[in-house]
């Protein structure tokens, strides 16, 4: 009598548990990738606000150096915050971003109206122009040692419902 035997195969397929574990690992990786993508898109959407903050900080830093280089001020002692020196010309604390006054310097007592930027149409003087109401600028000037001061400009702004800030730091001497 012949007995039929089934040959054992050395190959076996994936089990259901192995397949589910592989899918779970793959899903975790895809969720992490999607989270990174969402965060990246959120950051990209704030780029125009961040660029504007950088420009306004640079403008303030240039204003401090201009006060020294153009001889618009009478002495080195005037390049300070008003709370640090009775003759200091730069205002203390965070201030709305205003147009520079007659002296051409920002964050001083003679600053004018709130600064306005063109709206979506890209033209100034039209109905869609926007005031910089979500931005503040602070110039902080501190003595480091004789004839050396640290200037720190901080621009705070709201982007995507969160407060953000850009900070620019430099040093100034009385020698131009």
N, C-alpha and C. Protein backbone atom coordinates (compact mmCIF):
# COMPACT_ATOMS: atom_id res chain seq x y z
N UNK A 1 0.82 -1.15 0.00
CA UNK A 1 0.00 0.00 0.00
C UNK A 1 0.88 1.23 0.00
N UNK A 2 0.50 2.12 -0.78
CA UNK A 2 1.25 3.37 -0.89
C UNK A 2 0.64 4.40 0.03
N UNK A 3 1.53 5.03 0.75
CA UNK A 3 1.07 6.10 1.65
C UNK A 3 1.55 7.43 1.06
N UNK A 4 0.62 8.29 0.85
CA UNK A 4 0.97 9.61 0.30
C UNK A 4 1.42 10.50 1.44
N UNK A 5 2.57 11.03 1.31
CA UNK A 5 3.08 11.97 2.32
C UNK A 5 3.18 13.36 1.72
N UNK A 6 2.92 14.27 2.54
CA UNK A 6 2.97 15.67 2.10
C UNK A 6 4.37 16.20 2.41
N UNK A 7 4.99 16.78 1.46
CA UNK A 7 6.34 17.29 1.67
C UNK A 7 6.26 18.58 2.49
N UNK A 8 7.12 18.67 3.46
CA UNK A 8 7.19 19.88 4.28
C UNK A 8 7.94 20.96 3.51
N UNK A 9 7.39 22.13 3.48
CA UNK A 9 8.05 23.24 2.79
C UNK A 9 8.82 24.06 3.81
N UNK A 10 10.00 24.52 3.43
CA UNK A 10 10.79 25.36 4.34
C UNK A 10 10.32 26.81 4.27
N UNK A 11 9.46 27.09 3.33
CA UNK A 11 8.95 28.44 3.20
C UNK A 11 7.60 28.54 3.89
N UNK A 12 7.50 29.60 4.66
CA UNK A 12 6.20 29.84 5.27
C UNK A 12 5.88 31.31 5.09
N UNK A 13 4.65 31.71 5.04
CA UNK A 13 4.23 33.10 4.82
C UNK A 13 4.26 33.92 6.10
N UNK A 14 3.89 35.17 5.97
CA UNK A 14 3.80 36.05 7.13
C UNK A 14 2.57 35.65 7.95
N UNK A 15 2.73 35.81 9.22
CA UNK A 15 1.57 35.58 10.07
C UNK A 15 0.78 36.87 10.16
N UNK A 16 -0.41 36.78 10.61
CA UNK A 16 -1.26 37.96 10.75
C UNK A 16 -0.66 38.94 11.76
N UNK A 17 -0.07 38.46 12.81
CA UNK A 17 0.55 39.31 13.83
C UNK A 17 1.73 40.08 13.24
N UNK A 18 2.55 39.41 12.45
CA UNK A 18 3.69 40.08 11.83
C UNK A 18 3.22 41.17 10.85
N UNK A 19 2.20 40.90 10.12
CA UNK A 19 1.66 41.88 9.18
C UNK A 19 1.10 43.09 9.92
N UNK A 20 0.37 42.87 11.00
CA UNK A 20 -0.19 43.98 11.77
C UNK A 20 0.92 44.82 12.40
N UNK A 21 1.96 44.19 12.89
CA UNK A 21 3.08 44.93 13.48
C UNK A 21 3.77 45.80 12.42
N UNK A 22 3.98 45.25 11.23
CA UNK A 22 4.60 46.01 10.15
C UNK A 22 3.73 47.21 9.76
N UNK A 23 2.42 47.02 9.71
CA UNK A 23 1.52 48.13 9.39
C UNK A 23 1.53 49.19 10.49
N UNK A 24 1.63 48.78 11.73
CA UNK A 24 1.68 49.72 12.85
C UNK A 24 2.95 50.57 12.79
N UNK A 25 4.07 49.95 12.50
CA UNK A 25 5.33 50.70 12.37
C UNK A 25 5.26 51.66 11.19
N UNK A 26 4.73 51.21 10.08
CA UNK A 26 4.59 52.06 8.90
C UNK A 26 3.66 53.25 9.18
N UNK A 27 2.55 53.01 9.88
CA UNK A 27 1.63 54.10 10.22
C UNK A 27 2.29 55.11 11.14
N UNK A 28 3.07 54.64 12.10
CA UNK A 28 3.79 55.57 12.99
C UNK A 28 4.75 56.45 12.23
N UNK A 29 5.48 55.87 11.29
CA UNK A 29 6.40 56.65 10.47
C UNK A 29 5.69 57.67 9.61
N UNK A 30 4.57 57.27 9.02
CA UNK A 30 3.80 58.20 8.19
C UNK A 30 3.20 59.34 9.00
N UNK A 31 2.74 59.05 10.23
CA UNK A 31 2.21 60.11 11.10
C UNK A 31 3.30 61.10 11.49
N UNK A 32 4.50 60.59 11.78
CA UNK A 32 5.61 61.49 12.11
C UNK A 32 5.96 62.38 10.92
N UNK A 33 5.97 61.81 9.75
CA UNK A 33 6.25 62.58 8.53
C UNK A 33 5.18 63.63 8.28
N UNK A 34 3.92 63.26 8.48
CA UNK A 34 2.84 64.22 8.30
C UNK A 34 2.94 65.35 9.32
N UNK A 35 3.31 65.04 10.57
CA UNK A 35 3.48 66.08 11.59
C UNK A 35 4.60 67.05 11.23
N UNK A 36 5.70 66.51 10.71
CA UNK A 36 6.81 67.37 10.29
C UNK A 36 6.38 68.26 9.12
N UNK A 37 5.61 67.71 8.21
CA UNK A 37 5.12 68.47 7.07
C UNK A 37 4.21 69.62 7.52
N UNK A 38 3.31 69.35 8.45
CA UNK A 38 2.40 70.38 8.97
C UNK A 38 3.18 71.48 9.67
N UNK A 39 4.15 71.09 10.49
CA UNK A 39 4.96 72.09 11.20
C UNK A 39 5.76 72.93 10.21
N UNK A 40 6.30 72.30 9.18
CA UNK A 40 7.04 73.04 8.15
C UNK A 40 6.16 74.03 7.41
N UNK A 41 4.97 73.63 7.08
CA UNK A 41 4.04 74.53 6.39
C UNK A 41 3.64 75.70 7.28
N UNK A 42 3.47 75.44 8.57
CA UNK A 42 3.15 76.50 9.52
C UNK A 42 4.29 77.51 9.59
N UNK A 43 5.51 77.01 9.61
CA UNK A 43 6.67 77.90 9.66
C UNK A 43 6.80 78.72 8.38
N UNK A 44 6.56 78.08 7.24
CA UNK A 44 6.65 78.79 5.96
C UNK A 44 5.60 79.90 5.89
N UNK A 45 4.43 79.68 6.47
CA UNK A 45 3.39 80.69 6.40
C UNK A 45 3.73 81.93 7.22
N UNK A 46 4.66 81.83 8.17
CA UNK A 46 5.06 82.99 8.98
C UNK A 46 6.26 83.71 8.39
N UNK A 47 6.80 83.23 7.29
CA UNK A 47 8.00 83.83 6.71
C UNK A 47 7.85 85.31 6.39
N UNK A 48 6.76 85.79 5.79
CA UNK A 48 6.65 87.23 5.51
C UNK A 48 6.68 88.06 6.80
N UNK A 49 6.03 87.60 7.85
CA UNK A 49 6.03 88.33 9.12
C UNK A 49 7.43 88.37 9.71
N UNK A 50 8.12 87.24 9.65
CA UNK A 50 9.48 87.18 10.19
C UNK A 50 10.42 88.09 9.40
N UNK A 51 10.29 88.10 8.09
CA UNK A 51 11.13 88.96 7.26
C UNK A 51 10.88 90.43 7.58
N UNK A 52 9.63 90.80 7.78
CA UNK A 52 9.31 92.18 8.14
C UNK A 52 9.91 92.53 9.49
N UNK A 53 9.85 91.61 10.45
CA UNK A 53 10.45 91.84 11.77
C UNK A 53 11.95 92.04 11.65
N UNK A 54 12.61 91.25 10.81
CA UNK A 54 14.05 91.42 10.59
C UNK A 54 14.36 92.81 10.02
N UNK A 55 13.56 93.24 9.06
CA UNK A 55 13.78 94.55 8.44
C UNK A 55 13.58 95.69 9.44
N UNK A 56 12.56 95.58 10.29
CA UNK A 56 12.30 96.63 11.27
C UNK A 56 13.37 96.66 12.36
N UNK A 57 13.94 95.51 12.71
CA UNK A 57 15.04 95.47 13.67
C UNK A 57 16.29 96.09 13.06
N UNK A 58 16.56 95.76 11.81
CA UNK A 58 17.71 96.34 11.11
C UNK A 58 17.56 97.85 10.97
N UNK A 59 16.35 98.30 10.67
CA UNK A 59 16.08 99.74 10.56
C UNK A 59 16.40 100.45 11.88
N UNK A 60 16.01 99.86 12.99
CA UNK A 60 16.28 100.47 14.29
C UNK A 60 17.77 100.49 14.60
N UNK A 61 18.46 99.40 14.28
CA UNK A 61 19.91 99.35 14.51
C UNK A 61 20.60 100.42 13.68
N UNK A 62 20.21 100.55 12.43
CA UNK A 62 20.79 101.59 11.57
C UNK A 62 20.48 102.98 12.11
N UNK A 63 19.33 103.14 12.73
CA UNK A 63 18.96 104.43 13.30
C UNK A 63 19.92 104.83 14.42
N UNK A 64 20.30 103.86 15.25
CA UNK A 64 21.24 104.15 16.33
C UNK A 64 22.60 104.55 15.75
N UNK A 65 23.07 103.80 14.78
CA UNK A 65 24.36 104.13 14.16
C UNK A 65 24.29 105.46 13.40
N UNK A 66 23.15 105.74 12.78
CA UNK A 66 22.98 107.01 12.07
C UNK A 66 23.03 108.18 13.04
N UNK A 67 22.48 107.99 14.23
CA UNK A 67 22.51 109.09 15.21
C UNK A 67 23.94 109.47 15.53
N UNK A 68 24.85 108.52 15.54
CA UNK A 68 26.26 108.81 15.79
C UNK A 68 26.96 109.35 14.54
N UNK A 69 26.78 108.67 13.41
CA UNK A 69 27.54 108.98 12.21
C UNK A 69 27.13 110.29 11.54
N UNK A 70 25.87 110.65 11.61
CA UNK A 70 25.41 111.85 10.91
C UNK A 70 25.53 113.11 11.77
N UNK A 71 25.98 112.94 12.99
CA UNK A 71 26.15 114.06 13.92
C UNK A 71 24.82 114.76 14.21
N UNK A 72 23.73 113.98 14.19
CA UNK A 72 22.42 114.53 14.52
C UNK A 72 22.27 114.75 16.02
N UNK A 73 23.20 114.21 16.76
CA UNK A 73 23.17 114.35 18.20
C UNK A 73 24.38 115.14 18.65
N UNK A 74 24.28 115.75 19.83
CA UNK A 74 25.35 116.61 20.29
C UNK A 74 26.48 115.85 20.98
N UNK A 75 26.16 114.71 21.58
CA UNK A 75 27.22 114.01 22.31
C UNK A 75 26.94 112.51 22.37
N UNK A 76 27.97 111.77 22.72
CA UNK A 76 27.91 110.32 22.89
C UNK A 76 26.91 109.94 23.97
N UNK A 77 26.75 110.77 24.97
CA UNK A 77 25.83 110.48 26.08
C UNK A 77 24.38 110.39 25.62
N UNK A 78 24.05 110.97 24.48
CA UNK A 78 22.68 110.95 24.00
C UNK A 78 22.29 109.59 23.39
N UNK A 79 23.28 108.78 23.04
CA UNK A 79 22.98 107.46 22.48
C UNK A 79 22.74 106.50 23.64
N UNK A 80 21.61 106.68 24.28
CA UNK A 80 21.19 105.85 25.41
C UNK A 80 19.67 105.88 25.49
N UNK A 81 19.16 104.97 26.31
CA UNK A 81 17.73 105.00 26.61
C UNK A 81 17.46 106.17 27.55
N UNK A 82 16.25 106.69 27.48
CA UNK A 82 15.89 107.84 28.29
C UNK A 82 15.95 107.54 29.78
N UNK A 83 15.71 106.30 30.18
CA UNK A 83 15.74 105.96 31.61
C UNK A 83 17.17 105.85 32.14
N UNK A 84 18.15 105.69 31.28
CA UNK A 84 19.54 105.52 31.71
C UNK A 84 20.32 106.82 31.73
N UNK A 85 19.83 107.80 31.02
CA UNK A 85 20.54 109.08 30.95
C UNK A 85 19.51 110.19 30.78
N UNK A 86 19.70 111.31 31.48
CA UNK A 86 18.74 112.42 31.31
C UNK A 86 18.78 113.02 29.90
N UNK A 87 19.86 112.75 29.15
CA UNK A 87 19.95 113.28 27.79
C UNK A 87 19.76 112.19 26.73
N UNK A 88 19.45 110.94 27.16
CA UNK A 88 19.24 109.84 26.21
C UNK A 88 18.07 110.13 25.29
N UNK A 89 18.19 109.75 24.02
CA UNK A 89 17.14 110.09 23.05
C UNK A 89 16.25 108.92 22.69
N UNK A 90 16.65 107.67 22.99
CA UNK A 90 15.87 106.52 22.58
C UNK A 90 14.90 106.11 23.69
N UNK A 91 13.64 105.92 23.32
CA UNK A 91 12.59 105.59 24.28
C UNK A 91 12.80 104.19 24.86
N UNK A 92 12.33 104.01 26.08
CA UNK A 92 12.43 102.72 26.77
C UNK A 92 11.23 101.84 26.44
N UNK A 93 11.44 100.54 26.52
CA UNK A 93 10.35 99.59 26.40
C UNK A 93 9.88 99.37 24.98
N UNK A 94 8.98 98.41 24.85
CA UNK A 94 8.40 98.08 23.54
C UNK A 94 7.44 99.18 23.12
N UNK A 95 7.61 99.63 21.90
CA UNK A 95 6.78 100.70 21.33
C UNK A 95 6.18 100.25 20.02
N UNK A 96 5.05 100.82 19.70
CA UNK A 96 4.47 100.58 18.37
C UNK A 96 5.46 101.08 17.33
N UNK A 97 5.42 100.46 16.16
CA UNK A 97 6.33 100.87 15.09
C UNK A 97 5.71 102.07 14.39
N UNK A 98 6.38 103.22 14.56
CA UNK A 98 5.90 104.49 14.02
C UNK A 98 6.88 104.98 12.96
N UNK A 99 6.40 105.89 12.11
CA UNK A 99 7.29 106.53 11.15
C UNK A 99 8.27 107.43 11.91
N UNK A 100 9.52 107.48 11.45
CA UNK A 100 10.48 108.36 12.13
C UNK A 100 10.05 109.82 12.00
N UNK A 101 10.38 110.59 13.02
CA UNK A 101 10.02 112.02 13.02
C UNK A 101 11.01 112.84 12.23
N UNK A 102 11.09 114.11 12.57
CA UNK A 102 11.95 115.04 11.82
C UNK A 102 13.43 114.72 11.98
N UNK A 103 13.81 114.05 13.07
CA UNK A 103 15.22 113.72 13.24
C UNK A 103 15.63 112.51 12.40
N UNK A 104 14.67 111.77 11.84
CA UNK A 104 14.97 110.61 11.00
C UNK A 104 15.31 109.36 11.79
N UNK A 105 15.21 109.41 13.11
CA UNK A 105 15.56 108.28 13.97
C UNK A 105 14.29 107.63 14.51
N UNK A 106 14.30 106.30 14.62
CA UNK A 106 13.13 105.59 15.14
C UNK A 106 13.22 105.44 16.66
N UNK A 107 12.07 105.27 17.29
CA UNK A 107 11.94 105.10 18.74
C UNK A 107 12.48 106.30 19.51
N UNK A 108 12.25 107.49 18.98
CA UNK A 108 12.57 108.73 19.69
C UNK A 108 11.27 109.49 19.93
N UNK A 109 11.34 110.58 20.69
CA UNK A 109 10.13 111.30 21.08
C UNK A 109 9.37 111.94 19.93
N UNK A 110 10.02 112.21 18.82
CA UNK A 110 9.34 112.93 17.75
C UNK A 110 8.76 112.02 16.66
N UNK A 111 8.68 110.71 16.93
CA UNK A 111 8.14 109.79 15.93
C UNK A 111 6.71 110.16 15.56
N UNK A 112 6.33 109.84 14.34
CA UNK A 112 5.03 110.26 13.80
C UNK A 112 3.95 109.21 13.92
N UNK A 113 3.17 109.11 12.87
CA UNK A 113 2.00 108.22 12.82
C UNK A 113 2.43 106.76 12.69
N UNK A 114 1.54 105.84 12.99
CA UNK A 114 1.87 104.41 12.81
C UNK A 114 2.28 104.12 11.37
N UNK A 115 3.26 103.25 11.23
CA UNK A 115 3.75 102.90 9.91
C UNK A 115 2.70 102.08 9.16
N UNK A 116 2.59 102.33 7.86
CA UNK A 116 1.60 101.67 7.02
C UNK A 116 2.33 100.96 5.88
N UNK A 117 1.87 99.77 5.58
CA UNK A 117 2.42 98.99 4.47
C UNK A 117 1.36 98.81 3.40
N UNK A 118 1.78 98.64 2.14
CA UNK A 118 0.78 98.39 1.11
C UNK A 118 0.06 97.07 1.35
N UNK A 119 -1.18 97.02 0.97
CA UNK A 119 -1.98 95.82 1.15
C UNK A 119 -1.76 94.83 0.02
N UNK A 120 -2.71 93.93 -0.18
CA UNK A 120 -2.57 92.88 -1.20
C UNK A 120 -2.37 93.41 -2.63
N UNK A 121 -2.86 94.62 -2.90
CA UNK A 121 -2.69 95.14 -4.26
C UNK A 121 -1.28 95.67 -4.51
N UNK A 122 -0.46 95.81 -3.46
CA UNK A 122 0.93 96.23 -3.61
C UNK A 122 1.12 97.72 -3.83
N UNK A 123 0.07 98.52 -3.67
CA UNK A 123 0.17 99.96 -3.90
C UNK A 123 -0.17 100.71 -2.63
N UNK A 124 0.65 101.71 -2.32
CA UNK A 124 0.39 102.56 -1.16
C UNK A 124 -0.72 103.56 -1.49
N UNK A 125 -1.45 103.95 -0.45
CA UNK A 125 -2.48 104.96 -0.61
C UNK A 125 -3.82 104.42 -1.07
N UNK A 126 -3.99 103.12 -1.07
CA UNK A 126 -5.28 102.54 -1.43
C UNK A 126 -5.98 102.03 -0.17
N UNK A 127 -7.22 101.63 -0.32
CA UNK A 127 -8.05 101.26 0.83
C UNK A 127 -7.56 100.00 1.55
N UNK A 128 -6.75 99.18 0.90
CA UNK A 128 -6.34 97.94 1.55
C UNK A 128 -4.99 98.04 2.28
N UNK A 129 -4.45 99.26 2.42
CA UNK A 129 -3.19 99.43 3.15
C UNK A 129 -3.36 98.98 4.60
N UNK A 130 -2.26 98.49 5.19
CA UNK A 130 -2.33 97.90 6.52
C UNK A 130 -1.36 98.59 7.48
N UNK A 131 -1.85 98.91 8.67
CA UNK A 131 -0.97 99.46 9.71
C UNK A 131 -0.26 98.31 10.42
N UNK A 132 0.94 98.57 10.90
CA UNK A 132 1.70 97.56 11.61
C UNK A 132 1.27 97.52 13.08
N UNK A 133 0.04 97.10 13.31
CA UNK A 133 -0.48 97.09 14.68
C UNK A 133 -0.05 95.86 15.46
N UNK A 134 0.34 94.79 14.78
CA UNK A 134 0.73 93.56 15.46
C UNK A 134 2.23 93.52 15.77
N UNK A 135 2.92 94.63 15.57
CA UNK A 135 4.37 94.66 15.76
C UNK A 135 4.73 95.71 16.82
N UNK A 136 5.71 95.38 17.67
CA UNK A 136 6.31 96.36 18.57
C UNK A 136 7.82 96.25 18.42
N UNK A 137 8.49 97.37 18.73
CA UNK A 137 9.95 97.40 18.62
C UNK A 137 10.52 98.02 19.89
N UNK A 138 11.59 97.44 20.38
CA UNK A 138 12.26 97.94 21.58
C UNK A 138 13.74 98.08 21.29
N UNK A 139 14.30 99.23 21.63
CA UNK A 139 15.74 99.45 21.53
C UNK A 139 16.28 99.53 22.94
N UNK A 140 17.20 98.64 23.25
CA UNK A 140 17.79 98.61 24.58
C UNK A 140 19.29 98.87 24.43
N UNK A 141 19.78 99.93 25.08
CA UNK A 141 21.19 100.30 25.00
C UNK A 141 21.79 100.22 26.40
N UNK A 142 22.86 99.45 26.54
CA UNK A 142 23.51 99.26 27.84
C UNK A 142 25.01 99.50 27.72
N UNK A 143 25.58 100.11 28.75
CA UNK A 143 27.02 100.29 28.80
C UNK A 143 27.70 98.95 29.06
N UNK A 144 28.73 98.66 28.29
CA UNK A 144 29.54 97.46 28.52
C UNK A 144 30.79 97.87 29.29
N UNK A 145 31.44 98.91 28.80
CA UNK A 145 32.57 99.55 29.48
C UNK A 145 32.73 100.93 28.86
N UNK A 146 33.74 101.65 29.30
CA UNK A 146 33.94 103.01 28.77
C UNK A 146 34.05 102.96 27.24
N UNK A 147 33.31 103.79 26.58
CA UNK A 147 33.31 103.91 25.12
C UNK A 147 32.84 102.65 24.38
N UNK A 148 32.04 101.84 25.04
CA UNK A 148 31.46 100.67 24.37
C UNK A 148 30.08 100.40 24.95
N UNK A 149 29.10 100.34 24.05
CA UNK A 149 27.72 100.04 24.46
C UNK A 149 27.17 98.90 23.61
N UNK A 150 26.30 98.12 24.24
CA UNK A 150 25.61 97.06 23.53
C UNK A 150 24.23 97.57 23.14
N UNK A 151 23.85 97.33 21.90
CA UNK A 151 22.52 97.69 21.39
C UNK A 151 21.78 96.39 21.13
N UNK A 152 20.60 96.30 21.68
CA UNK A 152 19.76 95.12 21.43
C UNK A 152 18.41 95.63 20.96
N UNK A 153 18.00 95.19 19.78
CA UNK A 153 16.71 95.56 19.20
C UNK A 153 15.84 94.32 19.19
N UNK A 154 14.65 94.43 19.77
CA UNK A 154 13.72 93.31 19.83
C UNK A 154 12.43 93.72 19.14
N UNK A 155 12.05 92.97 18.13
CA UNK A 155 10.78 93.20 17.44
C UNK A 155 9.88 92.02 17.77
N UNK A 156 8.74 92.32 18.36
CA UNK A 156 7.75 91.29 18.71
C UNK A 156 6.57 91.42 17.75
N UNK A 157 6.05 90.27 17.35
CA UNK A 157 4.94 90.28 16.40
C UNK A 157 4.09 89.03 16.59
N UNK A 158 2.88 89.10 16.09
CA UNK A 158 1.95 87.97 16.17
C UNK A 158 1.87 87.31 14.79
N UNK A 159 2.08 85.98 14.80
CA UNK A 159 1.98 85.22 13.55
C UNK A 159 1.30 83.90 13.85
N UNK A 160 0.28 83.59 13.10
CA UNK A 160 -0.51 82.36 13.31
C UNK A 160 -1.03 82.24 14.74
N UNK A 161 -1.41 83.36 15.32
CA UNK A 161 -1.98 83.35 16.66
C UNK A 161 -0.95 83.22 17.79
N UNK A 162 0.33 83.20 17.46
CA UNK A 162 1.36 83.08 18.49
C UNK A 162 2.25 84.32 18.49
N UNK A 163 2.70 84.71 19.68
CA UNK A 163 3.65 85.82 19.77
C UNK A 163 5.04 85.29 19.47
N UNK A 164 5.73 85.98 18.60
CA UNK A 164 7.10 85.62 18.23
C UNK A 164 7.96 86.87 18.38
N UNK A 165 9.26 86.69 18.37
CA UNK A 165 10.14 87.84 18.43
C UNK A 165 11.40 87.60 17.62
N UNK A 166 11.95 88.69 17.13
CA UNK A 166 13.24 88.68 16.44
C UNK A 166 14.14 89.63 17.19
N UNK A 167 15.36 89.20 17.46
CA UNK A 167 16.29 90.02 18.24
C UNK A 167 17.58 90.21 17.46
N UNK A 168 18.08 91.43 17.48
CA UNK A 168 19.31 91.78 16.80
C UNK A 168 20.21 92.50 17.80
N UNK A 169 21.46 92.08 17.91
CA UNK A 169 22.38 92.65 18.89
C UNK A 169 23.64 93.12 18.19
N UNK A 170 24.16 94.27 18.63
CA UNK A 170 25.41 94.81 18.09
C UNK A 170 26.07 95.67 19.17
N UNK A 171 27.22 96.21 18.84
CA UNK A 171 27.95 97.09 19.74
C UNK A 171 28.26 98.39 19.01
N UNK A 172 28.38 99.45 19.79
CA UNK A 172 28.67 100.77 19.23
C UNK A 172 29.71 101.46 20.10
N UNK A 173 30.56 102.22 19.44
CA UNK A 173 31.55 103.05 20.13
C UNK A 173 31.33 104.50 19.68
N UNK A 174 31.93 105.45 20.37
CA UNK A 174 31.74 106.84 19.95
C UNK A 174 32.54 107.20 18.70
N UNK A 175 33.35 106.27 18.24
CA UNK A 175 34.22 106.55 17.09
C UNK A 175 33.60 106.00 15.83
N UNK A 176 33.36 106.87 14.84
CA UNK A 176 32.75 106.39 13.60
C UNK A 176 33.77 106.13 12.54
